[in-house]
N, C-alpha and C. Protein backbone atom coordinates (compact mmCIF):
# COMPACT_ATOMS: atom_id res chain seq x y z
N MET A 1 -17.54 14.21 2.93
CA MET A 1 -18.57 13.23 2.69
C MET A 1 -18.56 12.77 1.24
N LYS A 2 -18.38 13.72 0.31
CA LYS A 2 -18.35 13.38 -1.10
C LYS A 2 -17.15 12.49 -1.42
N LYS A 3 -16.00 12.78 -0.79
CA LYS A 3 -14.81 11.97 -1.03
C LYS A 3 -15.03 10.54 -0.57
N VAL A 4 -15.67 10.38 0.57
CA VAL A 4 -15.95 9.04 1.09
C VAL A 4 -16.88 8.30 0.14
N ALA A 5 -17.91 8.99 -0.31
CA ALA A 5 -18.87 8.37 -1.24
C ALA A 5 -18.18 7.97 -2.54
N LEU A 6 -17.28 8.83 -3.04
CA LEU A 6 -16.56 8.51 -4.27
C LEU A 6 -15.63 7.32 -4.05
N ALA A 7 -14.96 7.26 -2.92
CA ALA A 7 -14.07 6.15 -2.61
C ALA A 7 -14.84 4.84 -2.53
N ILE A 8 -16.00 4.87 -1.91
CA ILE A 8 -16.83 3.68 -1.81
C ILE A 8 -17.33 3.26 -3.19
N ALA A 9 -17.76 4.21 -3.98
CA ALA A 9 -18.25 3.93 -5.33
C ALA A 9 -17.14 3.33 -6.18
N PHE A 10 -15.93 3.88 -6.09
CA PHE A 10 -14.81 3.36 -6.85
C PHE A 10 -14.50 1.93 -6.42
N THR A 11 -14.50 1.69 -5.12
CA THR A 11 -14.22 0.35 -4.60
C THR A 11 -15.24 -0.66 -5.12
N LEU A 12 -16.50 -0.27 -5.16
CA LEU A 12 -17.54 -1.17 -5.64
C LEU A 12 -17.42 -1.43 -7.13
N LEU A 13 -16.98 -0.43 -7.90
CA LEU A 13 -16.85 -0.57 -9.34
C LEU A 13 -15.58 -1.28 -9.75
N CYS A 14 -14.57 -1.23 -8.92
CA CYS A 14 -13.27 -1.80 -9.25
C CYS A 14 -13.35 -3.33 -9.22
N ALA A 15 -13.13 -3.95 -10.35
CA ALA A 15 -13.21 -5.40 -10.42
C ALA A 15 -11.94 -6.06 -9.91
N PHE A 16 -10.82 -5.38 -9.99
CA PHE A 16 -9.54 -5.97 -9.57
C PHE A 16 -9.31 -5.71 -8.10
N LYS A 17 -9.05 -6.78 -7.36
CA LYS A 17 -8.73 -6.66 -5.94
C LYS A 17 -7.65 -7.67 -5.58
N VAL A 18 -6.74 -7.27 -4.72
CA VAL A 18 -5.71 -8.17 -4.21
C VAL A 18 -6.33 -8.98 -3.08
N PRO A 19 -6.11 -10.28 -3.07
CA PRO A 19 -6.63 -11.09 -1.95
C PRO A 19 -6.16 -10.54 -0.61
N THR A 20 -7.02 -10.60 0.38
CA THR A 20 -6.69 -10.00 1.69
C THR A 20 -6.12 -11.01 2.66
N ARG A 21 -5.82 -12.20 2.22
CA ARG A 21 -5.20 -13.21 3.08
C ARG A 21 -3.88 -13.67 2.49
N GLY A 22 -2.87 -13.75 3.33
CA GLY A 22 -1.59 -14.29 2.91
C GLY A 22 -0.72 -13.32 2.14
N LEU A 23 0.34 -13.88 1.58
CA LEU A 23 1.29 -13.10 0.79
C LEU A 23 0.91 -13.19 -0.68
N VAL A 24 0.92 -12.05 -1.34
CA VAL A 24 0.56 -11.96 -2.76
C VAL A 24 1.57 -11.07 -3.46
N VAL A 25 2.08 -11.55 -4.58
CA VAL A 25 2.96 -10.75 -5.44
C VAL A 25 2.15 -10.41 -6.68
N VAL A 26 1.99 -9.11 -6.94
CA VAL A 26 1.26 -8.69 -8.13
C VAL A 26 2.26 -8.04 -9.09
N HIS A 27 2.29 -8.59 -10.28
CA HIS A 27 3.16 -8.09 -11.35
C HIS A 27 2.29 -7.26 -12.29
N TYR A 28 2.38 -5.94 -12.16
CA TYR A 28 1.61 -5.02 -13.00
C TYR A 28 2.42 -4.72 -14.26
N ASN A 29 1.78 -4.85 -15.40
CA ASN A 29 2.46 -4.52 -16.65
C ASN A 29 1.41 -4.10 -17.68
N ALA A 30 1.87 -3.73 -18.85
CA ALA A 30 0.97 -3.35 -19.94
C ALA A 30 1.31 -4.21 -21.15
N GLU A 31 0.33 -4.44 -21.99
CA GLU A 31 0.56 -5.30 -23.15
C GLU A 31 1.69 -4.77 -24.04
N PHE A 32 1.79 -3.44 -24.20
CA PHE A 32 2.85 -2.89 -25.06
C PHE A 32 4.24 -3.16 -24.50
N ASN A 33 4.33 -3.51 -23.22
CA ASN A 33 5.61 -3.71 -22.56
C ASN A 33 5.79 -5.15 -22.08
N SER A 34 5.04 -6.07 -22.62
CA SER A 34 5.05 -7.44 -22.13
C SER A 34 6.41 -8.13 -22.26
N THR A 35 7.25 -7.67 -23.18
CA THR A 35 8.58 -8.26 -23.33
C THR A 35 9.47 -7.96 -22.13
N ASN A 36 9.11 -6.97 -21.33
CA ASN A 36 9.90 -6.61 -20.15
C ASN A 36 9.30 -7.17 -18.85
N SER A 37 8.52 -8.22 -18.96
CA SER A 37 7.97 -8.85 -17.76
C SER A 37 9.06 -9.59 -17.01
N VAL A 38 8.89 -9.69 -15.71
CA VAL A 38 9.84 -10.42 -14.87
C VAL A 38 9.27 -11.82 -14.65
N PRO A 39 10.03 -12.87 -14.98
CA PRO A 39 9.52 -14.23 -14.76
C PRO A 39 9.42 -14.54 -13.27
N LEU A 40 8.22 -14.88 -12.82
CA LEU A 40 7.98 -15.12 -11.40
C LEU A 40 7.48 -16.54 -11.11
N LYS A 41 7.65 -17.45 -12.05
CA LYS A 41 7.15 -18.82 -11.88
C LYS A 41 7.82 -19.55 -10.72
N LYS A 42 9.04 -19.16 -10.36
CA LYS A 42 9.76 -19.85 -9.29
C LYS A 42 9.48 -19.31 -7.90
N ILE A 43 8.60 -18.33 -7.78
CA ILE A 43 8.25 -17.76 -6.48
C ILE A 43 7.48 -18.80 -5.67
N SER A 44 7.87 -18.98 -4.42
CA SER A 44 7.15 -19.91 -3.55
C SER A 44 6.68 -19.18 -2.29
N ASP A 45 5.70 -19.75 -1.62
CA ASP A 45 5.13 -19.22 -0.37
C ASP A 45 4.36 -17.92 -0.57
N ALA A 46 3.98 -17.61 -1.81
CA ALA A 46 3.17 -16.43 -2.09
C ALA A 46 2.38 -16.69 -3.37
N ARG A 47 1.20 -16.13 -3.42
CA ARG A 47 0.40 -16.22 -4.64
C ARG A 47 0.90 -15.17 -5.61
N VAL A 48 1.05 -15.52 -6.89
CA VAL A 48 1.52 -14.59 -7.91
C VAL A 48 0.36 -14.27 -8.85
N ILE A 49 0.13 -12.97 -9.06
CA ILE A 49 -0.93 -12.51 -9.95
C ILE A 49 -0.32 -11.59 -10.99
N ASN A 50 -0.64 -11.83 -12.25
CA ASN A 50 -0.26 -10.92 -13.33
C ASN A 50 -1.44 -10.01 -13.60
N ALA A 51 -1.22 -8.71 -13.52
CA ALA A 51 -2.29 -7.74 -13.71
C ALA A 51 -1.90 -6.79 -14.83
N TRP A 52 -2.79 -6.62 -15.77
CA TRP A 52 -2.54 -5.77 -16.94
C TRP A 52 -3.20 -4.42 -16.74
N ILE A 53 -2.40 -3.36 -16.76
CA ILE A 53 -2.94 -2.02 -16.51
C ILE A 53 -3.73 -1.47 -17.69
N ASP A 54 -3.80 -2.24 -18.76
CA ASP A 54 -4.62 -1.83 -19.89
C ASP A 54 -6.08 -1.73 -19.45
N GLU A 55 -6.40 -2.39 -18.35
CA GLU A 55 -7.72 -2.27 -17.73
C GLU A 55 -7.60 -1.17 -16.68
N ALA A 56 -8.36 -0.09 -16.83
CA ALA A 56 -8.22 1.11 -16.00
C ALA A 56 -8.32 0.82 -14.50
N ASP A 57 -9.21 -0.08 -14.10
CA ASP A 57 -9.37 -0.33 -12.67
C ASP A 57 -8.11 -0.93 -12.05
N VAL A 58 -7.36 -1.70 -12.82
CA VAL A 58 -6.11 -2.29 -12.32
C VAL A 58 -5.08 -1.20 -12.07
N LYS A 59 -4.93 -0.30 -13.01
CA LYS A 59 -3.96 0.80 -12.88
C LYS A 59 -4.26 1.65 -11.66
N GLU A 60 -5.52 1.99 -11.47
CA GLU A 60 -5.92 2.83 -10.33
C GLU A 60 -5.74 2.08 -9.01
N TYR A 61 -6.13 0.82 -8.97
CA TYR A 61 -6.05 0.04 -7.73
C TYR A 61 -4.61 -0.04 -7.23
N GLY A 62 -3.68 -0.34 -8.16
CA GLY A 62 -2.29 -0.49 -7.77
C GLY A 62 -1.50 0.79 -7.70
N LYS A 63 -2.14 1.92 -8.01
CA LYS A 63 -1.47 3.23 -8.03
C LYS A 63 -0.19 3.14 -8.89
N ILE A 64 -0.37 2.63 -10.09
CA ILE A 64 0.75 2.36 -10.97
C ILE A 64 1.13 3.62 -11.75
N LYS A 65 2.42 3.95 -11.69
CA LYS A 65 2.95 5.11 -12.39
C LYS A 65 3.83 4.71 -13.56
N SER A 66 4.42 3.51 -13.49
CA SER A 66 5.27 3.01 -14.56
C SER A 66 5.15 1.49 -14.60
N VAL A 67 5.47 0.93 -15.75
CA VAL A 67 5.42 -0.52 -15.90
C VAL A 67 6.75 -1.05 -16.39
N PRO A 68 7.11 -2.23 -15.98
CA PRO A 68 6.41 -3.04 -15.01
C PRO A 68 6.64 -2.55 -13.58
N THR A 69 5.70 -2.89 -12.72
CA THR A 69 5.80 -2.65 -11.29
C THR A 69 5.40 -3.94 -10.60
N ILE A 70 6.16 -4.32 -9.59
CA ILE A 70 5.84 -5.50 -8.81
C ILE A 70 5.59 -5.06 -7.38
N VAL A 71 4.48 -5.52 -6.81
CA VAL A 71 4.11 -5.14 -5.46
C VAL A 71 3.90 -6.41 -4.63
N LEU A 72 4.50 -6.42 -3.45
CA LEU A 72 4.32 -7.52 -2.50
C LEU A 72 3.32 -7.06 -1.45
N TYR A 73 2.23 -7.82 -1.31
CA TYR A 73 1.19 -7.52 -0.33
C TYR A 73 1.16 -8.62 0.73
N GLN A 74 0.87 -8.23 1.95
CA GLN A 74 0.62 -9.20 3.02
C GLN A 74 -0.73 -8.87 3.63
N ASN A 75 -1.65 -9.82 3.55
CA ASN A 75 -3.01 -9.64 4.04
C ASN A 75 -3.66 -8.37 3.46
N GLY A 76 -3.40 -8.12 2.18
CA GLY A 76 -4.01 -6.99 1.49
C GLY A 76 -3.29 -5.66 1.66
N GLU A 77 -2.24 -5.62 2.47
CA GLU A 77 -1.50 -4.38 2.71
C GLU A 77 -0.17 -4.41 1.95
N GLU A 78 0.14 -3.31 1.26
CA GLU A 78 1.39 -3.25 0.53
C GLU A 78 2.58 -3.28 1.48
N ILE A 79 3.51 -4.18 1.20
CA ILE A 79 4.72 -4.33 2.02
C ILE A 79 5.94 -3.76 1.30
N GLN A 80 6.05 -4.05 0.00
CA GLN A 80 7.21 -3.60 -0.77
C GLN A 80 6.81 -3.41 -2.23
N ARG A 81 7.50 -2.48 -2.89
CA ARG A 81 7.19 -2.15 -4.29
C ARG A 81 8.50 -2.01 -5.06
N TRP A 82 8.52 -2.59 -6.26
CA TRP A 82 9.63 -2.44 -7.18
C TRP A 82 9.08 -1.81 -8.45
N GLU A 83 9.60 -0.64 -8.84
CA GLU A 83 9.09 0.08 -10.01
C GLU A 83 10.19 0.26 -11.06
N SER A 84 9.77 0.24 -12.30
CA SER A 84 10.71 0.46 -13.39
C SER A 84 11.01 1.94 -13.53
N GLY A 85 12.07 2.21 -14.24
CA GLY A 85 12.42 3.60 -14.53
C GLY A 85 12.09 3.92 -15.98
N LEU A 86 12.84 4.80 -16.56
CA LEU A 86 12.61 5.22 -17.95
C LEU A 86 12.81 4.09 -18.95
N SER A 87 13.58 3.08 -18.54
CA SER A 87 13.86 1.97 -19.45
C SER A 87 12.67 1.02 -19.62
N LEU A 88 11.64 1.19 -18.79
CA LEU A 88 10.46 0.33 -18.78
C LEU A 88 10.82 -1.13 -18.50
N SER A 89 11.88 -1.31 -17.70
CA SER A 89 12.25 -2.66 -17.28
C SER A 89 12.72 -2.61 -15.83
N LEU A 90 12.67 -3.76 -15.17
CA LEU A 90 13.08 -3.85 -13.77
C LEU A 90 14.40 -4.57 -13.65
N SER A 91 15.20 -4.16 -12.69
CA SER A 91 16.46 -4.86 -12.44
C SER A 91 16.29 -5.92 -11.35
N VAL A 92 15.12 -5.97 -10.72
CA VAL A 92 14.85 -6.95 -9.68
C VAL A 92 14.68 -8.33 -10.31
N THR A 93 15.13 -9.35 -9.58
CA THR A 93 14.97 -10.72 -10.06
C THR A 93 13.99 -11.46 -9.16
N HIS A 94 13.58 -12.64 -9.59
CA HIS A 94 12.68 -13.44 -8.75
C HIS A 94 13.36 -13.80 -7.43
N LYS A 95 14.69 -13.90 -7.44
CA LYS A 95 15.43 -14.20 -6.21
C LYS A 95 15.33 -13.06 -5.20
N ASP A 96 15.37 -11.81 -5.68
CA ASP A 96 15.22 -10.65 -4.80
C ASP A 96 13.84 -10.63 -4.16
N ILE A 97 12.84 -10.94 -4.96
CA ILE A 97 11.47 -10.95 -4.45
C ILE A 97 11.28 -12.10 -3.47
N GLN A 98 11.85 -13.27 -3.81
CA GLN A 98 11.76 -14.42 -2.92
C GLN A 98 12.43 -14.13 -1.58
N GLU A 99 13.52 -13.40 -1.59
CA GLU A 99 14.21 -13.02 -0.36
C GLU A 99 13.29 -12.19 0.55
N SER A 100 12.56 -11.26 -0.04
CA SER A 100 11.61 -10.45 0.73
C SER A 100 10.49 -11.32 1.30
N ILE A 101 10.01 -12.27 0.51
CA ILE A 101 8.97 -13.19 0.98
C ILE A 101 9.51 -14.04 2.13
N ASP A 102 10.73 -14.55 1.97
CA ASP A 102 11.33 -15.40 3.01
C ASP A 102 11.50 -14.66 4.33
N LYS A 103 11.81 -13.39 4.27
CA LYS A 103 11.92 -12.58 5.49
C LYS A 103 10.58 -12.49 6.21
N LEU A 104 9.50 -12.38 5.44
CA LEU A 104 8.16 -12.27 6.02
C LEU A 104 7.66 -13.61 6.58
N THR A 105 8.03 -14.70 5.93
CA THR A 105 7.55 -16.01 6.37
C THR A 105 8.47 -16.65 7.40
N GLY A 106 9.66 -16.10 7.56
CA GLY A 106 10.62 -16.68 8.49
C GLY A 106 11.49 -17.74 7.86
N ALA A 107 11.32 -17.99 6.57
CA ALA A 107 12.09 -19.01 5.88
C ALA A 107 13.57 -18.65 5.78
N SER A 108 13.90 -17.37 5.90
CA SER A 108 15.29 -16.94 5.80
C SER A 108 16.10 -17.33 7.03
N LYS A 109 15.42 -17.79 8.08
CA LYS A 109 16.12 -18.20 9.31
C LYS A 109 16.72 -19.59 9.21
N PHE A 110 16.29 -20.34 8.20
CA PHE A 110 16.76 -21.73 8.07
C PHE A 110 17.98 -21.84 7.21
């Protein structure tokens, strides 16, 4: 019962939330590592959100262990995650992420 109450309290206090409709790509990073951000301006068919883990609620919400981390959500549910290693950079490109989005939307069939 206490765990449920704590989970509800955390949810109410957490200002950061991923939209629960459609495809959303969230790029989690920290200000100290902003030079290692992945450019996602060319992503189509998904909403792109930049989230800074310097705000504690963002880090907790995304269950972020390293930065940058990119998470693809569909209707609020995590579908795929790309996490950095010790280098604090990602080898994934916007094309790799777009490919995952296209598979979900059916665009890869054309």
